[in-house]
């Protein structure tokens, strides 16, 4: 699968986590899995998850 790098710029821990979750999904461990991130990066995480691993079901929750 070829991705446009300008649209999908997951770097470091983000892409490593996505690859790990994708591997778990392929092995049958479909979750649920919890990722806790600062609210300032939440949109980026959702975008990267949808870009690199569209088969994962991503649900966002904002707490107070």
PDB file of N, CA and C in Angstrom:
ATOM      1  N   UNK A   1       0.839  -1.166   0.000  1.00  0.00           N
ATOM      2  CA  UNK A   1       0.000   0.000   0.000  1.00  0.00           C
ATOM      3  C   UNK A   1       0.892   1.239   0.000  1.00  0.00           C
ATOM      4  N   UNK A   2       0.602   2.178  -0.866  1.00  0.00           N
ATOM      5  CA  UNK A   2       1.383   3.403  -0.964  1.00  0.00           C
ATOM      6  C   UNK A   2       0.588   4.553  -0.366  1.00  0.00           C
ATOM      7  N   UNK A   3       1.244   5.337   0.493  1.00  0.00           N
ATOM      8  CA  UNK A   3       0.603   6.481   1.131  1.00  0.00           C
ATOM      9  C   UNK A   3       1.316   7.755   0.709  1.00  0.00           C
ATOM     10  N   UNK A   4       0.595   8.829   0.640  1.00  0.00           N
ATOM     11  CA  UNK A   4       1.197  10.119   0.373  1.00  0.00           C
ATOM     12  C   UNK A   4       1.807  10.647   1.661  1.00  0.00           C
ATOM     13  N   UNK A   5       3.104  10.844   1.676  1.00  0.00           N
ATOM     14  CA  UNK A   5       3.776  11.270   2.898  1.00  0.00           C
ATOM     15  C   UNK A   5       3.305  12.640   3.349  1.00  0.00           C
ATOM     16  N   UNK A   6       2.932  13.497   2.408  1.00  0.00           N
ATOM     17  CA  UNK A   6       2.492  14.829   2.801  1.00  0.00           C
ATOM     18  C   UNK A   6       1.179  14.777   3.586  1.00  0.00           C
ATOM     19  N   UNK A   7       0.380  13.736   3.416  1.00  0.00           N
ATOM     20  CA  UNK A   7      -0.880  13.601   4.133  1.00  0.00           C
ATOM     21  C   UNK A   7      -0.737  12.785   5.408  1.00  0.00           C
ATOM     22  N   UNK A   8       0.265  11.930   5.466  1.00  0.00           N
ATOM     23  CA  UNK A   8       0.416  11.012   6.603  1.00  0.00           C
ATOM     24  C   UNK A   8       1.815  11.152   7.178  1.00  0.00           C
ATOM     25  N   UNK A   9       1.978  12.005   8.161  1.00  0.00           N
ATOM     26  CA  UNK A   9       3.309  12.258   8.688  1.00  0.00           C
ATOM     27  C   UNK A   9       3.475  11.730  10.102  1.00  0.00           C
ATOM     28  N   UNK A  10       2.987  10.502  10.367  1.00  0.00           N
ATOM     29  CA  UNK A  10       3.181   9.896  11.680  1.00  0.00           C
ATOM     30  C   UNK A  10       4.659   9.649  11.916  1.00  0.00           C
ATOM     31  N   UNK A  11       5.177  10.119  13.029  1.00  0.00           N
ATOM     32  CA  UNK A  11       6.592   9.989  13.310  1.00  0.00           C
ATOM     33  C   UNK A  11       6.799   9.321  14.662  1.00  0.00           C
ATOM     34  N   UNK A  12       7.897   8.619  14.808  1.00  0.00           N
ATOM     35  CA  UNK A  12       8.320   8.088  16.095  1.00  0.00           C
ATOM     36  C   UNK A  12       7.303   7.215  16.796  1.00  0.00           C
ATOM     37  N   UNK A  13       6.938   7.639  18.011  1.00  0.00           N
ATOM     38  CA  UNK A  13       6.061   6.824  18.852  1.00  0.00           C
ATOM     39  C   UNK A  13       4.675   6.639  18.244  1.00  0.00           C
ATOM     40  N   UNK A  14       4.200   7.634  17.522  1.00  0.00           N
ATOM     41  CA  UNK A  14       2.868   7.531  16.919  1.00  0.00           C
ATOM     42  C   UNK A  14       2.817   6.369  15.941  1.00  0.00           C
ATOM     43  N   UNK A  15       3.715   6.326  14.982  1.00  0.00           N
ATOM     44  CA  UNK A  15       3.674   5.275  13.967  1.00  0.00           C
ATOM     45  C   UNK A  15       4.026   3.922  14.575  1.00  0.00           C
ATOM     46  N   UNK A  16       4.926   3.888  15.561  1.00  0.00           N
ATOM     47  CA  UNK A  16       5.252   2.620  16.216  1.00  0.00           C
ATOM     48  C   UNK A  16       4.033   2.053  16.931  1.00  0.00           C
ATOM     49  N   UNK A  17       3.273   2.910  17.582  1.00  0.00           N
ATOM     50  CA  UNK A  17       2.060   2.464  18.275  1.00  0.00           C
ATOM     51  C   UNK A  17       1.027   1.967  17.280  1.00  0.00           C
ATOM     52  N   UNK A  18       0.870   2.672  16.167  1.00  0.00           N
ATOM     53  CA  UNK A  18      -0.093   2.256  15.145  1.00  0.00           C
ATOM     54  C   UNK A  18       0.300   0.908  14.551  1.00  0.00           C
ATOM     55  N   UNK A  19       1.574   0.711  14.284  1.00  0.00           N
ATOM     56  CA  UNK A  19       2.054  -0.572  13.747  1.00  0.00           C
ATOM     57  C   UNK A  19       1.800  -1.683  14.765  1.00  0.00           C
ATOM     58  N   UNK A  20       2.060  -1.414  16.037  1.00  0.00           N
ATOM     59  CA  UNK A  20       1.829  -2.409  17.086  1.00  0.00           C
ATOM     60  C   UNK A  20       0.351  -2.776  17.177  1.00  0.00           C
ATOM     61  N   UNK A  21      -0.539  -1.776  17.187  1.00  0.00           N
ATOM     62  CA  UNK A  21      -1.973  -2.050  17.252  1.00  0.00           C
ATOM     63  C   UNK A  21      -2.454  -2.798  16.015  1.00  0.00           C
ATOM     64  N   UNK A  22      -1.910  -2.461  14.852  1.00  0.00           N
ATOM     65  CA  UNK A  22      -2.268  -3.165  13.620  1.00  0.00           C
ATOM     66  C   UNK A  22      -1.829  -4.624  13.686  1.00  0.00           C
ATOM     67  N   UNK A  23      -0.646  -4.857  14.239  1.00  0.00           N
ATOM     68  CA  UNK A  23      -0.155  -6.229  14.400  1.00  0.00           C
ATOM     69  C   UNK A  23      -1.074  -7.014  15.338  1.00  0.00           C
ATOM     70  N   UNK A  24      -1.438  -6.415  16.463  1.00  0.00           N
ATOM     71  CA  UNK A  24      -2.352  -7.087  17.380  1.00  0.00           C
ATOM     72  C   UNK A  24      -3.671  -7.421  16.687  1.00  0.00           C
ATOM     73  N   UNK A  25      -4.184  -6.482  15.909  1.00  0.00           N
ATOM     74  CA  UNK A  25      -5.443  -6.686  15.188  1.00  0.00           C
ATOM     75  C   UNK A  25      -5.326  -7.861  14.214  1.00  0.00           C
ATOM     76  N   UNK A  26      -4.221  -7.915  13.480  1.00  0.00           N
ATOM     77  CA  UNK A  26      -4.011  -9.005  12.517  1.00  0.00           C
ATOM     78  C   UNK A  26      -3.869 -10.352  13.201  1.00  0.00           C
ATOM     79  N   UNK A  27      -3.389 -10.357  14.458  1.00  0.00           N
ATOM     80  CA  UNK A  27      -3.219 -11.598  15.205  1.00  0.00           C
ATOM     81  C   UNK A  27      -4.492 -12.016  15.932  1.00  0.00           C
ATOM     82  N   UNK A  28      -5.553 -11.216  15.798  1.00  0.00           N
ATOM     83  CA  UNK A  28      -6.819 -11.565  16.408  1.00  0.00           C
ATOM     84  C   UNK A  28      -7.127 -10.852  17.711  1.00  0.00           C
ATOM     85  N   UNK A  29      -6.219 -10.025  18.186  1.00  0.00           N
ATOM     86  CA  UNK A  29      -6.432  -9.254  19.411  1.00  0.00           C
ATOM     87  C   UNK A  29      -7.087  -7.939  19.022  1.00  0.00           C
ATOM     88  N   UNK A  30      -8.392  -7.945  18.871  1.00  0.00           N
ATOM     89  CA  UNK A  30      -9.092  -6.790  18.332  1.00  0.00           C
ATOM     90  C   UNK A  30      -9.433  -5.737  19.373  1.00  0.00           C
ATOM     91  N   UNK A  31      -9.053  -5.942  20.611  1.00  0.00           N
ATOM     92  CA  UNK A  31      -9.227  -4.895  21.614  1.00  0.00           C
ATOM     93  C   UNK A  31     -10.422  -5.126  22.503  1.00  0.00           C
ATOM     94  N   UNK A  32     -10.791  -4.152  23.257  1.00  0.00           N
ATOM     95  CA  UNK A  32     -10.444  -2.736  23.096  1.00  0.00           C
ATOM     96  C   UNK A  32      -9.046  -2.409  23.633  1.00  0.00           C
ATOM     97  N   UNK A  33      -8.442  -1.407  23.025  1.00  0.00           N
ATOM     98  CA  UNK A  33      -7.145  -0.890  23.447  1.00  0.00           C
ATOM     99  C   UNK A  33      -7.326   0.590  23.750  1.00  0.00           C
ATOM    100  N   UNK A  34      -6.639   1.087  24.737  1.00  0.00           N
ATOM    101  CA  UNK A  34      -6.762   2.475  25.157  1.00  0.00           C
ATOM    102  C   UNK A  34      -5.456   3.214  24.892  1.00  0.00           C
ATOM    103  N   UNK A  35      -5.553   4.336  24.202  1.00  0.00           N
ATOM    104  CA  UNK A  35      -4.407   5.217  23.989  1.00  0.00           C
ATOM    105  C   UNK A  35      -4.757   6.542  24.643  1.00  0.00           C
ATOM    106  N   UNK A  36      -3.947   6.988  25.579  1.00  0.00           N
ATOM    107  CA  UNK A  36      -4.170   8.260  26.259  1.00  0.00           C
ATOM    108  C   UNK A  36      -3.165   9.271  25.721  1.00  0.00           C
ATOM    109  N   UNK A  37      -3.678  10.370  25.168  1.00  0.00           N
ATOM    110  CA  UNK A  37      -2.813  11.400  24.582  1.00  0.00           C
ATOM    111  C   UNK A  37      -3.290  12.774  25.040  1.00  0.00           C
ATOM    112  N   UNK A  38      -2.417  13.770  24.991  1.00  0.00           N
ATOM    113  CA  UNK A  38      -2.859  15.135  25.279  1.00  0.00           C
ATOM    114  C   UNK A  38      -3.907  15.581  24.260  1.00  0.00           C
ATOM    115  N   UNK A  39      -4.848  16.393  24.709  1.00  0.00           N
ATOM    116  CA  UNK A  39      -5.918  16.833  23.795  1.00  0.00           C
ATOM    117  C   UNK A  39      -5.364  17.605  22.603  1.00  0.00           C
ATOM    118  N   UNK A  40      -4.206  18.221  22.751  1.00  0.00           N
ATOM    119  CA  UNK A  40      -3.618  18.974  21.642  1.00  0.00           C
ATOM    120  C   UNK A  40      -3.144  18.069  20.508  1.00  0.00           C
ATOM    121  N   UNK A  41      -2.947  16.779  20.785  1.00  0.00           N
ATOM    122  CA  UNK A  41      -2.486  15.856  19.744  1.00  0.00           C
ATOM    123  C   UNK A  41      -3.562  14.863  19.310  1.00  0.00           C
ATOM    124  N   UNK A  42      -4.738  14.953  19.895  1.00  0.00           N
ATOM    125  CA  UNK A  42      -5.785  13.966  19.621  1.00  0.00           C
ATOM    126  C   UNK A  42      -6.187  13.925  18.144  1.00  0.00           C
ATOM    127  N   UNK A  43      -6.386  15.088  17.533  1.00  0.00           N
ATOM    128  CA  UNK A  43      -6.765  15.118  16.116  1.00  0.00           C
ATOM    129  C   UNK A  43      -5.706  14.452  15.239  1.00  0.00           C
ATOM    130  N   UNK A  44      -4.440  14.685  15.562  1.00  0.00           N
ATOM    131  CA  UNK A  44      -3.358  14.065  14.800  1.00  0.00           C
ATOM    132  C   UNK A  44      -3.387  12.544  14.943  1.00  0.00           C
ATOM    133  N   UNK A  45      -3.591  12.048  16.165  1.00  0.00           N
ATOM    134  CA  UNK A  45      -3.652  10.599  16.386  1.00  0.00           C
ATOM    135  C   UNK A  45      -4.780   9.963  15.590  1.00  0.00           C
ATOM    136  N   UNK A  46      -5.946  10.581  15.622  1.00  0.00           N
ATOM    137  CA  UNK A  46      -7.091  10.038  14.879  1.00  0.00           C
ATOM    138  C   UNK A  46      -6.790  10.032  13.384  1.00  0.00           C
ATOM    139  N   UNK A  47      -6.236  11.125  12.876  1.00  0.00           N
ATOM    140  CA  UNK A  47      -5.896  11.218  11.458  1.00  0.00           C
ATOM    141  C   UNK A  47      -4.880  10.137  11.062  1.00  0.00           C
ATOM    142  N   UNK A  48      -3.842   9.968  11.872  1.00  0.00           N
ATOM    143  CA  UNK A  48      -2.800   8.981  11.561  1.00  0.00           C
ATOM    144  C   UNK A  48      -3.345   7.553  11.650  1.00  0.00           C
ATOM    145  N   UNK A  49      -4.160   7.259  12.653  1.00  0.00           N
ATOM    146  CA  UNK A  49      -4.756   5.926  12.759  1.00  0.00           C
ATOM    147  C   UNK A  49      -5.635   5.621  11.551  1.00  0.00           C
ATOM    148  N   UNK A  50      -6.447   6.579  11.145  1.00  0.00           N
ATOM    149  CA  UNK A  50      -7.313   6.365   9.979  1.00  0.00           C
ATOM    150  C   UNK A  50      -6.515   6.251   8.688  1.00  0.00           C
ATOM    151  N   UNK A  51      -5.392   6.935   8.618  1.00  0.00           N
ATOM    152  CA  UNK A  51      -4.557   6.897   7.412  1.00  0.00           C
ATOM    153  C   UNK A  51      -3.781   5.584   7.300  1.00  0.00           C
ATOM    154  N   UNK A  52      -3.097   5.206   8.373  1.00  0.00           N
ATOM    155  CA  UNK A  52      -2.196   4.061   8.326  1.00  0.00           C
ATOM    156  C   UNK A  52      -2.858   2.726   8.620  1.00  0.00           C
ATOM    157  N   UNK A  53      -3.960   2.732   9.341  1.00  0.00           N
ATOM    158  CA  UNK A  53      -4.617   1.478   9.678  1.00  0.00           C
ATOM    159  C   UNK A  53      -6.138   1.662   9.671  1.00  0.00           C
ATOM    160  N   UNK A  54      -6.706   1.833   8.493  1.00  0.00           N
ATOM    161  CA  UNK A  54      -8.142   2.123   8.396  1.00  0.00           C
ATOM    162  C   UNK A  54      -9.045   0.990   8.890  1.00  0.00           C
ATOM    163  N   UNK A  55      -8.526  -0.204   9.045  1.00  0.00           N
ATOM    164  CA  UNK A  55      -9.364  -1.309   9.523  1.00  0.00           C
ATOM    165  C   UNK A  55      -9.635  -1.233  11.026  1.00  0.00           C
ATOM    166  N   UNK A  56      -8.864  -0.420  11.754  1.00  0.00           N
ATOM    167  CA  UNK A  56      -9.095  -0.267  13.187  1.00  0.00           C
ATOM    168  C   UNK A  56     -10.292   0.648  13.435  1.00  0.00           C
ATOM    169  N   UNK A  57     -11.083   0.310  14.427  1.00  0.00           N
ATOM    170  CA  UNK A  57     -12.234   1.125  14.821  1.00  0.00           C
ATOM    171  C   UNK A  57     -11.764   2.127  15.868  1.00  0.00           C
ATOM    172  N   UNK A  58     -11.725   3.405  15.510  1.00  0.00           N
ATOM    173  CA  UNK A  58     -11.210   4.453  16.402  1.00  0.00           C
ATOM    174  C   UNK A  58     -12.381   5.210  17.005  1.00  0.00           C
ATOM    175  N   UNK A  59     -12.425   5.256  18.329  1.00  0.00           N
ATOM    176  CA  UNK A  59     -13.444   5.998  19.058  1.00  0.00           C
ATOM    177  C   UNK A  59     -12.723   6.996  19.945  1.00  0.00           C
ATOM    178  N   UNK A  60     -13.099   8.260  19.861  1.00  0.00           N
ATOM    179  CA  UNK A  60     -12.446   9.273  20.694  1.00  0.00           C
ATOM    180  C   UNK A  60     -13.327   9.633  21.880  1.00  0.00           C
ATOM    181  N   UNK A  61     -12.665   9.967  22.978  1.00  0.00           N
ATOM    182  CA  UNK A  61     -13.358  10.377  24.193  1.00  0.00           C
ATOM    183  C   UNK A  61     -12.576  11.533  24.797  1.00  0.00           C
ATOM    184  N   UNK A  62     -13.259  12.629  25.058  1.00  0.00           N
ATOM    185  CA  UNK A  62     -12.648  13.764  25.727  1.00  0.00           C
ATOM    186  C   UNK A  62     -13.161  13.787  27.158  1.00  0.00           C
ATOM    187  N   UNK A  63     -12.266  13.714  28.114  1.00  0.00           N
ATOM    188  CA  UNK A  63     -12.656  13.764  29.517  1.00  0.00           C
ATOM    189  C   UNK A  63     -12.297  15.112  30.125  1.00  0.00           C
ATOM    190  N   UNK A  64     -12.781  15.332  31.315  1.00  0.00           N
ATOM    191  CA  UNK A  64     -12.441  16.563  32.032  1.00  0.00           C
ATOM    192  C   UNK A  64     -11.698  16.244  33.300  1.00  0.00           C
TER     193      UNK A  64
END
